[in-house]
Amino acid sequence: MKSRSGHRRSRHGALALAIVAGAGLAGGYVTVQKGATASAAAGHAETADVAHTRAGAAGQGGASASPSSAAASSTAPALPASVMPFNAKLTSKDIPVEGGGVRGGGCSGSLIAPDWIITAGHCFHDLAGTRVGGKPQYHMAVAVGKINDDDPRGHVVQAVDVRQSPVNDLALVKLSEPITDITPLTLPTGPPKVGEDVDFVGWGSLSATVVAPSDHMKRGHFEVRAIRHTELDMGPLEARTVENSPCHDDSGSPFFVPDGDQKGRLVAVEDNGPDCPQPGLETTARVDTILDWIHAQMD
C-alpha cells in the first residue's frame, strides 16, 4: 500500500530472498524504560527475562551441563513468563512479484483472541499491492509469545484467513490453530484521549536501508497526538532509535496501554511513518471505530 504523502512510507518491508539470507542482524538489545533517554538505556544490562531466555535457549542448544551441575538438579528451571507475550511476528518467503519470482517480507501484529491476530491490512496484498482478504496468496508464518527468534517459548502457526477492514488499513488474521496459554490484548471500549500514553512493540527492521525483520522484539513509548475519523497520530516520548520506533516490517505493530508486562488494552496498529529513526509522527489505524466489525468477524 502506498503512503498518503511523499515523505511517509508504509511499514511493510520487502526484500529479495538473497538479501534475507545474507543480512546480519544485531544479537543483543536492551529494554528502554519509560522516560529513559536512548543514551542512558544503552548502558543498561539485559532484562532478567531476556538473559534467562537466552540462557535457556543456549542450554537446549547442545552445550552439555557438567556432571556436578547435572547431579545437583535433574530438571531445568522453568523459564519466566514472556514480556508482552501477545506480540506477533509475521514472516513470508514466497510473496509473488510481477514478472515472476518471489520475495520475502514481514509485518508485526498482536493476539486479540485465541485464534485471531490483528495487523495492518497492506500486509496481505495482490501483485498490484492492493489489500486482499480470504485465504492468503502466500505463506505467512506467525510467531506469537516470543521475545527473540531463539526463545523456546511461544508458538509458530500459520495465517489461514484474512479479513480486511472496510474503513482503514487494518486486517484480522485467523490462525491455523488457537493459542490458549497467552492472554490476548483486550479491545478498547471507546476512543483514546489526546496525550494518552501508549506502548509499541514490533519486530521490524533495525535499519532504514537494510530491510529485514529484527531477531528480537522492539519496544517504545508514545503518546496520542491527534485523533481523526479512522486514524491516530502517535508521537514518541523518547529520543527515536531503531530499537524503540516503528521501521520497515513493523506494519501492524500494536499501540496499547500496558497492564503490567503481560497484558494490555489495544488502541491502534501501525500503518506508516517517517523513515526510521527520523523525527515525525506515526500514522496508525484506530481500533475503536470498527469494534462491531471486529466482533462480527470473530463470531
Protein backbone atom coordinates (compact mmCIF):
# COMPACT_ATOMS: atom_id res chain seq x y z
CA MET A 1 0.00 0.00 0.00
CA LYS A 2 1.38 3.40 -0.92
CA SER A 3 1.66 6.02 1.77
CA ARG A 4 -0.51 9.07 1.83
CA SER A 5 2.26 11.54 1.08
CA GLY A 6 5.71 11.51 -0.43
CA HIS A 7 7.68 11.67 2.80
CA ARG A 8 5.76 8.93 4.59
CA ARG A 9 6.36 5.26 3.93
CA SER A 10 4.48 2.03 4.50
CA ARG A 11 6.00 -0.14 7.21
CA HIS A 12 5.61 -3.35 5.19
CA GLY A 13 9.20 -4.13 4.24
CA ALA A 14 10.12 -6.13 1.16
CA LEU A 15 13.46 -7.57 0.11
CA ALA A 16 14.91 -10.20 -2.15
CA LEU A 17 15.44 -13.62 -0.65
CA ALA A 18 19.14 -13.35 -1.30
CA ILE A 19 19.25 -10.27 0.90
CA VAL A 20 17.25 -12.02 3.61
CA ALA A 21 19.76 -14.84 3.69
CA GLY A 22 22.76 -12.55 3.82
CA ALA A 23 21.60 -9.81 6.14
CA GLY A 24 23.26 -9.74 9.53
CA LEU A 25 21.05 -8.77 12.46
CA ALA A 26 22.05 -7.49 15.85
CA GLY A 27 22.24 -10.17 18.51
CA GLY A 28 21.68 -8.07 21.62
CA TYR A 29 19.33 -5.39 22.84
CA VAL A 30 18.13 -3.54 25.88
CA THR A 31 14.68 -2.70 27.14
CA VAL A 32 14.12 1.06 27.37
CA GLN A 33 12.11 2.14 30.38
CA LYS A 34 9.55 4.94 30.04
CA GLY A 35 11.22 8.30 30.47
CA ALA A 36 14.75 6.98 29.97
CA THR A 37 16.87 8.56 27.27
CA ALA A 38 18.31 6.46 24.50
CA SER A 39 21.88 7.13 25.66
CA ALA A 40 21.09 6.09 29.22
CA ALA A 41 19.30 2.97 28.04
CA ALA A 42 22.32 1.91 26.01
CA GLY A 43 24.22 1.31 29.22
CA HIS A 44 21.60 -0.88 30.84
CA ALA A 45 22.09 -4.60 31.29
CA GLU A 46 19.70 -7.08 29.73
CA THR A 47 16.44 -7.61 31.50
CA ALA A 48 16.30 -10.75 33.59
CA ASP A 49 13.67 -12.11 31.22
CA VAL A 50 15.91 -11.76 28.15
CA ALA A 51 19.01 -13.08 29.91
CA HIS A 52 17.10 -16.06 31.28
CA THR A 53 15.59 -16.82 27.90
CA ARG A 54 18.95 -16.80 26.18
CA ALA A 55 20.45 -18.98 28.88
CA GLY A 56 17.59 -21.43 28.48
CA ALA A 57 17.88 -21.46 24.69
CA ALA A 58 21.65 -21.97 24.86
CA GLY A 59 21.19 -24.76 27.33
CA GLN A 60 18.88 -26.52 24.91
CA GLY A 61 21.26 -25.95 22.03
CA GLY A 62 23.85 -28.58 22.89
CA ALA A 63 26.45 -27.39 25.42
CA SER A 64 26.13 -30.16 27.97
CA ALA A 65 25.99 -29.44 31.69
CA SER A 66 28.88 -30.51 33.89
CA PRO A 67 28.43 -33.73 35.89
CA SER A 68 28.25 -31.77 39.13
CA SER A 69 25.53 -29.46 37.88
CA ALA A 70 23.58 -32.38 36.41
CA ALA A 71 23.70 -34.14 39.77
CA ALA A 72 22.54 -31.02 41.58
CA SER A 73 19.38 -30.67 39.51
CA SER A 74 17.54 -33.29 37.49
CA THR A 75 15.23 -30.79 35.77
CA ALA A 76 15.91 -27.45 34.09
CA PRO A 77 14.42 -24.39 35.82
CA ALA A 78 11.19 -23.12 34.34
CA LEU A 79 11.53 -20.06 32.13
CA PRO A 80 9.86 -16.88 33.39
CA ALA A 81 6.76 -15.57 31.72
CA SER A 82 7.50 -13.79 28.45
CA VAL A 83 7.26 -9.99 28.29
CA MET A 84 4.29 -8.75 26.24
CA PRO A 85 3.53 -12.32 25.10
CA PHE A 86 0.65 -11.20 22.87
CA ASN A 87 3.15 -9.79 20.35
CA ALA A 88 3.28 -11.42 16.91
CA LYS A 89 5.96 -11.61 14.23
CA LEU A 90 4.75 -12.29 10.67
CA THR A 91 7.19 -13.54 8.03
CA SER A 92 6.87 -14.83 4.47
CA LYS A 93 9.41 -16.12 1.95
CA ASP A 94 7.18 -16.58 -1.08
CA ILE A 95 5.37 -13.32 -1.83
CA PRO A 96 4.78 -13.28 -5.62
CA VAL A 97 6.15 -10.36 -7.63
CA GLU A 98 5.21 -9.04 -11.06
CA GLY A 99 7.11 -10.76 -13.83
CA GLY A 100 7.51 -13.96 -11.85
CA GLY A 101 9.54 -14.99 -8.86
CA VAL A 102 9.01 -14.36 -5.19
CA ARG A 103 10.38 -12.19 -2.43
CA GLY A 104 10.44 -12.17 1.33
CA GLY A 105 8.62 -9.75 3.60
CA GLY A 106 7.32 -9.30 7.09
CA CYS A 107 4.98 -7.48 9.42
CA SER A 108 4.16 -7.32 13.11
CA GLY A 109 0.90 -7.79 14.96
CA SER A 110 -0.76 -8.86 18.19
CA LEU A 111 -3.06 -11.56 19.53
CA ILE A 112 -6.63 -10.37 20.23
CA ALA A 113 -8.34 -13.77 20.54
CA PRO A 114 -7.01 -17.34 20.81
CA ASP A 115 -7.18 -17.84 17.05
CA TRP A 116 -7.01 -14.26 15.74
CA ILE A 117 -4.33 -11.60 15.43
CA ILE A 118 -4.66 -8.03 14.25
CA THR A 119 -2.20 -6.35 11.89
CA ALA A 120 -2.03 -3.84 9.03
CA GLY A 121 -4.22 -4.54 6.03
CA HIS A 122 -1.44 -3.97 3.49
CA CYS A 123 0.49 -6.92 4.91
CA PHE A 124 -1.75 -9.09 2.69
CA HIS A 125 -1.99 -7.92 -0.91
CA ASP A 126 -2.07 -8.97 -4.54
CA LEU A 127 0.54 -8.42 -7.27
CA ALA A 128 -0.60 -4.82 -7.68
CA GLY A 129 -0.21 -4.11 -3.96
CA THR A 130 -3.97 -3.94 -3.37
CA ARG A 131 -5.15 -5.22 0.01
CA VAL A 132 -6.93 -8.56 -0.30
CA GLY A 133 -8.80 -10.85 2.07
CA GLY A 134 -9.62 -14.53 2.18
CA LYS A 135 -7.02 -17.29 2.06
CA PRO A 136 -3.57 -15.65 1.89
CA GLN A 137 -1.94 -15.68 -1.55
CA TYR A 138 1.39 -16.61 0.05
CA HIS A 139 2.50 -18.44 3.17
CA MET A 140 2.71 -16.27 6.27
CA ALA A 141 4.19 -17.74 9.44
CA VAL A 142 3.04 -16.12 12.69
CA ALA A 143 5.24 -16.38 15.79
CA VAL A 144 3.42 -15.40 18.99
CA GLY A 145 4.76 -15.10 22.52
CA LYS A 146 8.49 -14.83 21.83
CA ILE A 147 10.97 -12.07 22.67
CA ASN A 148 13.65 -13.26 20.23
CA ASP A 149 13.94 -15.81 17.47
CA ASP A 150 15.68 -18.33 19.75
CA ASP A 151 13.09 -18.07 22.51
CA PRO A 152 11.80 -21.61 23.19
CA ARG A 153 8.52 -20.22 24.47
CA GLY A 154 5.56 -19.21 22.40
CA HIS A 155 4.05 -20.64 19.23
CA VAL A 156 4.63 -20.59 15.48
CA VAL A 157 1.43 -21.04 13.46
CA GLN A 158 0.17 -20.10 10.01
CA ALA A 159 -2.17 -17.40 8.71
CA VAL A 160 -5.16 -19.14 7.07
CA ASP A 161 -7.76 -16.41 6.53
CA VAL A 162 -7.63 -12.61 6.25
CA ARG A 163 -10.44 -10.14 6.88
CA GLN A 164 -9.76 -6.62 5.57
CA SER A 165 -11.24 -3.64 7.42
CA PRO A 166 -13.77 -1.75 5.31
CA VAL A 167 -12.67 1.66 6.60
CA ASN A 168 -8.94 1.70 7.38
CA ASP A 169 -5.64 -0.09 6.77
CA LEU A 170 -6.20 -2.89 9.27
CA ALA A 171 -6.80 -6.61 8.99
CA LEU A 172 -7.79 -9.55 11.16
CA VAL A 173 -5.90 -12.78 10.55
CA LYS A 174 -7.21 -16.20 11.56
CA LEU A 175 -4.58 -18.62 12.83
CA SER A 176 -4.20 -22.27 11.87
CA GLU A 177 -4.68 -23.29 15.50
CA PRO A 178 -5.77 -21.45 18.66
CA ILE A 179 -3.27 -20.18 21.20
CA THR A 180 -4.76 -20.77 24.62
CA ASP A 181 -1.88 -20.14 27.02
CA ILE A 182 -1.37 -16.44 26.21
CA THR A 183 -3.72 -13.65 27.28
CA PRO A 184 -4.74 -11.62 24.20
CA LEU A 185 -4.80 -7.84 24.19
CA THR A 186 -8.23 -6.55 25.17
CA LEU A 187 -10.11 -4.35 22.73
CA PRO A 188 -10.91 -0.73 23.57
CA THR A 189 -14.34 0.34 24.73
CA GLY A 190 -14.06 3.86 23.35
CA PRO A 191 -11.67 6.33 21.74
CA PRO A 192 -8.36 7.27 23.35
CA LYS A 193 -7.58 10.78 24.57
CA VAL A 194 -5.03 13.15 23.12
CA GLY A 195 -1.97 12.91 25.32
CA GLU A 196 -2.68 9.33 26.45
CA ASP A 197 0.48 7.25 26.88
CA VAL A 198 0.78 4.02 24.90
CA ASP A 199 3.47 1.41 24.29
CA PHE A 200 4.61 -0.02 20.97
CA VAL A 201 6.10 -3.47 20.33
CA GLY A 202 7.20 -4.85 16.99
CA TRP A 203 9.66 -6.97 15.03
CA GLY A 204 10.64 -4.53 12.31
CA SER A 205 13.95 -3.70 10.70
CA LEU A 206 16.90 -2.32 12.67
CA SER A 207 17.95 -0.19 9.69
CA ALA A 208 16.33 2.31 7.37
CA THR A 209 18.27 0.90 4.42
CA VAL A 210 18.85 -2.80 5.11
CA VAL A 211 15.29 -4.09 5.30
CA ALA A 212 14.90 -7.33 7.25
CA PRO A 213 12.89 -8.28 10.32
CA SER A 214 14.63 -7.94 13.66
CA ASP A 215 15.67 -11.09 15.51
CA HIS A 216 14.13 -9.70 18.70
CA MET A 217 11.09 -7.77 19.86
CA LYS A 218 11.44 -3.99 19.95
CA ARG A 219 9.58 -1.73 22.35
CA GLY A 220 8.97 2.02 22.60
CA HIS A 221 6.80 4.61 24.32
CA PHE A 222 4.47 7.02 22.52
CA GLU A 223 1.51 9.29 23.12
CA VAL A 224 -1.63 10.04 21.15
CA ARG A 225 -1.05 13.35 19.34
CA ALA A 226 -4.14 13.63 17.13
CA ILE A 227 -7.42 11.79 16.59
CA ARG A 228 -9.06 11.52 13.16
CA HIS A 229 -12.06 9.56 11.96
CA THR A 230 -10.27 6.24 11.38
CA GLU A 231 -6.64 7.06 12.26
CA LEU A 232 -4.49 8.29 15.14
CA ASP A 233 -1.19 10.15 15.07
CA MET A 234 1.36 8.86 17.59
CA GLY A 235 4.38 10.84 18.78
CA PRO A 236 7.44 9.40 20.57
CA LEU A 237 8.08 10.07 24.26
CA GLU A 238 11.81 9.40 23.99
CA ALA A 239 14.60 10.03 21.50
CA ARG A 240 13.99 7.82 18.48
CA THR A 241 16.22 4.83 17.76
CA VAL A 242 15.71 1.77 15.58
CA GLU A 243 15.05 -0.17 18.81
CA ASN A 244 12.13 1.93 20.07
CA SER A 245 10.44 3.12 16.87
CA PRO A 246 8.50 1.51 14.03
CA CYS A 247 10.59 0.77 10.93
CA HIS A 248 10.07 -1.39 7.84
CA ASP A 249 8.38 -4.69 8.75
CA ASP A 250 6.69 -3.02 11.76
CA SER A 251 3.40 -2.61 9.90
CA GLY A 252 0.65 -3.90 12.14
CA SER A 253 2.55 -3.40 15.39
CA PRO A 254 0.19 -2.72 18.28
CA PHE A 255 0.00 0.55 20.18
CA PHE A 256 -1.54 -0.35 23.53
CA VAL A 257 -1.99 0.70 27.14
CA PRO A 258 0.02 -1.84 29.16
CA ASP A 259 -1.30 -3.60 32.25
CA GLY A 260 1.91 -4.88 33.80
CA ASP A 261 4.20 -6.78 31.44
CA GLN A 262 1.72 -9.49 30.42
CA LYS A 263 -1.50 -7.76 29.41
CA GLY A 264 -2.76 -4.58 27.80
CA ARG A 265 -5.55 -2.73 26.01
CA LEU A 266 -5.17 -2.26 22.27
CA VAL A 267 -5.56 1.26 20.88
CA ALA A 268 -4.28 1.17 17.28
CA VAL A 269 -1.98 -0.63 14.82
CA GLU A 270 0.95 0.79 12.86
CA ASP A 271 0.37 1.79 9.22
CA ASN A 272 3.13 4.17 8.15
CA GLY A 273 5.50 6.91 9.27
CA PRO A 274 8.80 8.69 8.63
CA ASP A 275 11.98 6.90 7.62
CA CYS A 276 13.23 5.17 10.75
CA PRO A 277 14.54 6.58 13.04
CA GLN A 278 13.83 10.09 11.75
CA PRO A 279 11.59 12.54 13.66
CA GLY A 280 7.92 12.62 12.85
CA LEU A 281 4.56 11.15 13.71
CA GLU A 282 3.36 7.59 13.18
CA THR A 283 0.06 7.09 11.38
CA THR A 284 -1.95 4.28 12.98
CA ALA A 285 -5.31 2.64 12.31
CA ARG A 286 -7.88 3.17 15.05
CA VAL A 287 -9.41 0.06 16.55
CA ASP A 288 -12.31 1.59 18.49
CA THR A 289 -14.11 2.79 15.34
CA ILE A 290 -14.54 -0.75 13.96
CA LEU A 291 -15.34 -2.74 17.10
CA ASP A 292 -18.65 -4.05 15.76
CA TRP A 293 -16.95 -5.22 12.57
CA ILE A 294 -14.16 -6.94 14.56
CA HIS A 295 -16.61 -8.82 16.77
CA ALA A 296 -18.66 -9.86 13.73
CA GLN A 297 -15.60 -11.37 12.02
CA MET A 298 -14.57 -13.39 15.04
CA ASP A 299 -18.06 -14.72 15.91
